[in-house]
């Protein structure tokens, strides 16, 4: 990803069909690495990083077929850490 652009960071829980917007960032490496670790442990999650244009707010973002779940990322991290007894790096 280019460092001069901002991207939305969105995480999705495919098993519950929920998503949450983590925020905006210049780099998605931490999110991507954490989601890869969750997937390796058997969790059904994914992330997406659409570009931030400056014209939208979090309320404008929706994912068809998914319901917004505030705090989803924290819940998934806790699940991962309980399941694997490993810690993920957070912001």
Foldseek 3Di string as FASTA:
>chain_A
DAQVFKWWKKKAQVVQQAIETPGIHSDCVQVQVVVVLLVVLPGRMDIDIHTDPVPDDRVVDDDPSHHYDPPVVVVSQVVSCVSPVDHRDDD
